[in-house]
Amino acid sequence: MALSGPIICPVCGKKAKTGSAIDCARHMFGTGDQPHRKWVDAQVAGQGLSFIDLLIEQATTPGNRSYVLLGEIIQKDAEKREAQKKESEKK
């Protein structure tokens, strides 16, 4: 599903630089405050990961695996929110 606009942070509502899911993931890691950590922890707990696990991996291994993983989660969440919004507008 294509989104109708840029990705907005699901925690604070801020649009990252380009509005992409990867930039939103960078924003979340860069902000790193409690609300952002809790949101990430809740999303990745099912995969046996945490905010800190992803942050350590991002800092110690080559590539952007953590950004990509979190970006995919953010993208899916944004699509889900948009679908819910459209559904509620139909009612």
Protein backbone atom coordinates (compact mmCIF):
# COMPACT_ATOMS: atom_id res chain seq x y z
CA MET A 1 0.00 0.00 0.00
CA ALA A 2 1.37 3.40 -0.94
CA LEU A 3 1.05 6.17 1.60
CA SER A 4 -0.57 9.43 0.67
CA GLY A 5 2.12 11.52 2.33
CA PRO A 6 5.43 11.44 4.19
CA ILE A 7 6.14 9.15 7.12
CA ILE A 8 5.44 10.91 10.40
CA CYS A 9 6.99 9.72 13.68
CA PRO A 10 4.34 7.63 15.46
CA VAL A 11 5.63 8.88 18.82
CA CYS A 12 6.08 12.65 18.49
CA GLY A 13 4.46 13.45 15.14
CA LYS A 14 7.61 14.94 13.63
CA LYS A 15 8.41 14.46 9.94
CA ALA A 16 12.01 13.34 9.47
CA LYS A 17 14.19 15.05 6.84
CA THR A 18 12.87 13.35 3.71
CA GLY A 19 9.75 11.84 5.19
CA SER A 20 11.01 8.31 4.48
CA ALA A 21 10.72 5.40 6.91
CA ILE A 22 14.54 5.11 7.09
CA ASP A 23 14.84 8.77 8.07
CA CYS A 24 12.15 8.25 10.68
CA ALA A 25 14.17 5.32 12.06
CA ARG A 26 17.25 7.57 12.21
CA HIS A 27 15.16 10.18 14.02
CA MET A 28 14.00 7.59 16.57
CA PHE A 29 17.54 6.38 17.26
CA GLY A 30 18.83 9.95 17.37
CA THR A 31 16.12 11.13 19.74
CA GLY A 32 16.46 8.10 22.00
CA ASP A 33 14.20 9.48 24.72
CA GLN A 34 11.95 7.29 26.81
CA PRO A 35 8.78 7.54 24.67
CA HIS A 36 10.70 6.65 21.49
CA ARG A 37 12.51 3.77 23.21
CA LYS A 38 9.25 2.36 24.58
CA TRP A 39 7.59 2.46 21.15
CA VAL A 40 10.53 0.68 19.50
CA ASP A 41 10.74 -1.88 22.33
CA ALA A 42 7.02 -2.65 21.95
CA GLN A 43 7.37 -3.12 18.19
CA VAL A 44 10.49 -5.35 18.19
CA ALA A 45 9.86 -7.35 21.37
CA GLY A 46 8.25 -10.16 19.34
CA GLN A 47 11.55 -10.59 17.50
CA GLY A 48 13.52 -10.87 20.73
CA LEU A 49 15.08 -7.44 20.25
CA SER A 50 15.08 -4.11 22.02
CA PHE A 51 15.92 -0.50 21.24
CA ILE A 52 19.35 -0.98 22.81
CA ASP A 53 20.00 -4.18 20.82
CA LEU A 54 19.26 -2.36 17.58
CA LEU A 55 21.32 0.66 18.57
CA ILE A 56 24.34 -1.46 19.51
CA GLU A 57 24.08 -3.44 16.28
CA GLN A 58 23.85 -0.24 14.24
CA ALA A 59 26.94 1.17 15.93
CA THR A 60 29.08 -1.96 15.79
CA THR A 61 28.32 -3.68 12.49
CA PRO A 62 28.66 -2.45 8.91
CA GLY A 63 25.55 -1.65 6.95
CA ASN A 64 22.22 -0.26 8.04
CA ARG A 65 20.40 -3.41 9.14
CA SER A 66 18.89 -1.77 12.25
CA TYR A 67 17.72 1.29 10.31
CA VAL A 68 16.20 -0.92 7.62
CA LEU A 69 14.47 -3.20 10.14
CA LEU A 70 13.04 -0.31 12.12
CA GLY A 71 12.15 1.52 8.89
CA GLU A 72 10.11 -1.49 7.73
CA ILE A 73 8.28 -1.58 11.07
CA ILE A 74 7.57 2.16 10.88
CA GLN A 75 6.34 1.82 7.28
CA LYS A 76 3.94 -1.00 8.21
CA ASP A 77 2.67 0.99 11.20
CA ALA A 78 2.10 4.07 9.02
CA GLU A 79 0.20 2.00 6.44
CA LYS A 80 -1.92 0.47 9.19
CA ARG A 81 -2.70 3.90 10.68
CA GLU A 82 -3.63 5.31 7.28
CA ALA A 83 -5.93 2.35 6.54
CA GLN A 84 -7.62 2.80 9.93
CA LYS A 85 -8.04 6.52 9.27
CA LYS A 86 -9.62 5.89 5.86
CA GLU A 87 -11.91 3.23 7.37
CA SER A 88 -13.08 5.60 10.11
CA GLU A 89 -13.72 8.35 7.53
CA LYS A 90 -16.04 6.00 5.62
CA LYS A 91 -18.30 5.57 8.66
